[in-house]
Amino acid sequence: MDYRALQGYGSFFMSLFLVVMLYGYIVYLYRSEKKGERDFEKYGNIALDDEITSTPVEDKSASERLEEEDK
């Protein structure tokens, strides 16, 4: 087995691994939004509504609740 064949196999398996990771992340985002844990559309609007007077995406108590649930 030469170097080019190993490089081809490595490239294929790395691409396959990255595709599986991408779909896993998409499923994670979908499930967490369906459960009501986070609303990712609010995070998407951060770039559009970027002023000093803008309201925060999450209040501090919501962030503290999530940290308590993780423990």
C-alpha atoms as a PDB file:
ATOM      1  CA  MET A   1       0.000   0.000   0.000  1.00  0.00           C
ATOM      2  CA  ASP A   2       1.558   3.233  -1.100  1.00  0.00           C
ATOM      3  CA  TYR A   3       1.356   6.729   0.297  1.00  0.00           C
ATOM      4  CA  ARG A   4      -1.318   7.943  -2.141  1.00  0.00           C
ATOM      5  CA  ALA A   5      -3.669   5.098  -1.221  1.00  0.00           C
ATOM      6  CA  LEU A   6      -3.274   5.863   2.498  1.00  0.00           C
ATOM      7  CA  GLN A   7      -3.905   9.534   1.767  1.00  0.00           C
ATOM      8  CA  GLY A   8      -7.086   8.625  -0.145  1.00  0.00           C
ATOM      9  CA  TYR A   9      -8.407   6.398   2.643  1.00  0.00           C
ATOM     10  CA  GLY A  10      -7.566   9.014   5.251  1.00  0.00           C
ATOM     11  CA  SER A  11      -9.344  11.715   3.272  1.00  0.00           C
ATOM     12  CA  PHE A  12     -12.425   9.540   2.819  1.00  0.00           C
ATOM     13  CA  PHE A  13     -12.698   8.567   6.478  1.00  0.00           C
ATOM     14  CA  MET A  14     -12.048  12.130   7.651  1.00  0.00           C
ATOM     15  CA  SER A  15     -14.811  13.399   5.353  1.00  0.00           C
ATOM     16  CA  LEU A  16     -17.145  10.690   6.615  1.00  0.00           C
ATOM     17  CA  PHE A  17     -16.328  11.569  10.227  1.00  0.00           C
ATOM     18  CA  LEU A  18     -16.982  15.271   9.619  1.00  0.00           C
ATOM     19  CA  VAL A  19     -20.320  14.547   7.926  1.00  0.00           C
ATOM     20  CA  VAL A  20     -21.420  12.406  10.888  1.00  0.00           C
ATOM     21  CA  MET A  21     -20.365  15.164  13.310  1.00  0.00           C
ATOM     22  CA  LEU A  22     -22.263  17.783  11.282  1.00  0.00           C
ATOM     23  CA  TYR A  23     -25.479  15.752  11.245  1.00  0.00           C
ATOM     24  CA  GLY A  24     -25.096  15.020  14.947  1.00  0.00           C
ATOM     25  CA  TYR A  25     -24.813  18.730  15.672  1.00  0.00           C
ATOM     26  CA  ILE A  26     -27.864  19.490  13.522  1.00  0.00           C
ATOM     27  CA  VAL A  27     -29.878  16.865  15.403  1.00  0.00           C
ATOM     28  CA  TYR A  28     -28.689  18.313  18.727  1.00  0.00           C
ATOM     29  CA  LEU A  29     -29.803  21.813  17.705  1.00  0.00           C
ATOM     30  CA  TYR A  30     -33.167  20.525  16.488  1.00  0.00           C
ATOM     31  CA  ARG A  31     -33.856  18.519  19.656  1.00  0.00           C
ATOM     32  CA  SER A  32     -32.844  21.276  22.053  1.00  0.00           C
ATOM     33  CA  GLU A  33     -35.084  23.753  20.256  1.00  0.00           C
ATOM     34  CA  LYS A  34     -38.011  21.309  20.262  1.00  0.00           C
ATOM     35  CA  LYS A  35     -37.590  20.700  24.005  1.00  0.00           C
ATOM     36  CA  GLY A  36     -37.672  24.435  24.600  1.00  0.00           C
ATOM     37  CA  GLU A  37     -34.216  24.627  26.156  1.00  0.00           C
ATOM     38  CA  ARG A  38     -32.997  27.358  23.789  1.00  0.00           C
ATOM     39  CA  ASP A  39     -34.456  29.503  21.037  1.00  0.00           C
ATOM     40  CA  PHE A  40     -31.725  29.709  18.427  1.00  0.00           C
ATOM     41  CA  GLU A  41     -33.637  32.213  16.285  1.00  0.00           C
ATOM     42  CA  LYS A  42     -32.960  34.801  18.981  1.00  0.00           C
ATOM     43  CA  TYR A  43     -29.245  34.115  18.662  1.00  0.00           C
ATOM     44  CA  GLY A  44     -29.500  34.518  14.888  1.00  0.00           C
ATOM     45  CA  ASN A  45     -30.887  38.025  15.339  1.00  0.00           C
ATOM     46  CA  ILE A  46     -27.855  39.177  17.351  1.00  0.00           C
ATOM     47  CA  ALA A  47     -26.046  40.243  14.184  1.00  0.00           C
ATOM     48  CA  LEU A  48     -29.048  42.243  12.977  1.00  0.00           C
ATOM     49  CA  ASP A  49     -29.863  43.928  16.284  1.00  0.00           C
ATOM     50  CA  ASP A  50     -26.426  44.982  17.482  1.00  0.00           C
ATOM     51  CA  GLU A  51     -26.849  48.150  19.487  1.00  0.00           C
ATOM     52  CA  ILE A  52     -25.852  49.069  23.016  1.00  0.00           C
ATOM     53  CA  THR A  53     -29.501  49.665  23.930  1.00  0.00           C
ATOM     54  CA  SER A  54     -30.661  46.255  22.693  1.00  0.00           C
ATOM     55  CA  THR A  55     -32.193  43.861  25.173  1.00  0.00           C
ATOM     56  CA  PRO A  56     -30.160  40.757  26.060  1.00  0.00           C
ATOM     57  CA  VAL A  57     -31.021  37.468  24.385  1.00  0.00           C
ATOM     58  CA  GLU A  58     -31.300  35.696  27.743  1.00  0.00           C
ATOM     59  CA  ASP A  59     -31.763  37.115  31.169  1.00  0.00           C
ATOM     60  CA  LYS A  60     -29.297  36.186  33.877  1.00  0.00           C
ATOM     61  CA  SER A  61     -31.750  33.987  35.733  1.00  0.00           C
ATOM     62  CA  ALA A  62     -32.241  31.779  32.662  1.00  0.00           C
ATOM     63  CA  SER A  63     -28.493  31.267  32.340  1.00  0.00           C
ATOM     64  CA  GLU A  64     -28.212  30.419  36.015  1.00  0.00           C
ATOM     65  CA  ARG A  65     -31.021  27.872  35.692  1.00  0.00           C
ATOM     66  CA  LEU A  66     -29.199  26.135  32.858  1.00  0.00           C
ATOM     67  CA  GLU A  67     -25.977  25.979  34.871  1.00  0.00           C
ATOM     68  CA  GLU A  68     -27.859  24.438  37.798  1.00  0.00           C
ATOM     69  CA  GLU A  69     -29.441  21.813  35.533  1.00  0.00           C
ATOM     70  CA  ASP A  70     -26.027  20.850  34.148  1.00  0.00           C
ATOM     71  CA  LYS A  71     -24.640  20.122  37.622  1.00  0.00           C
END
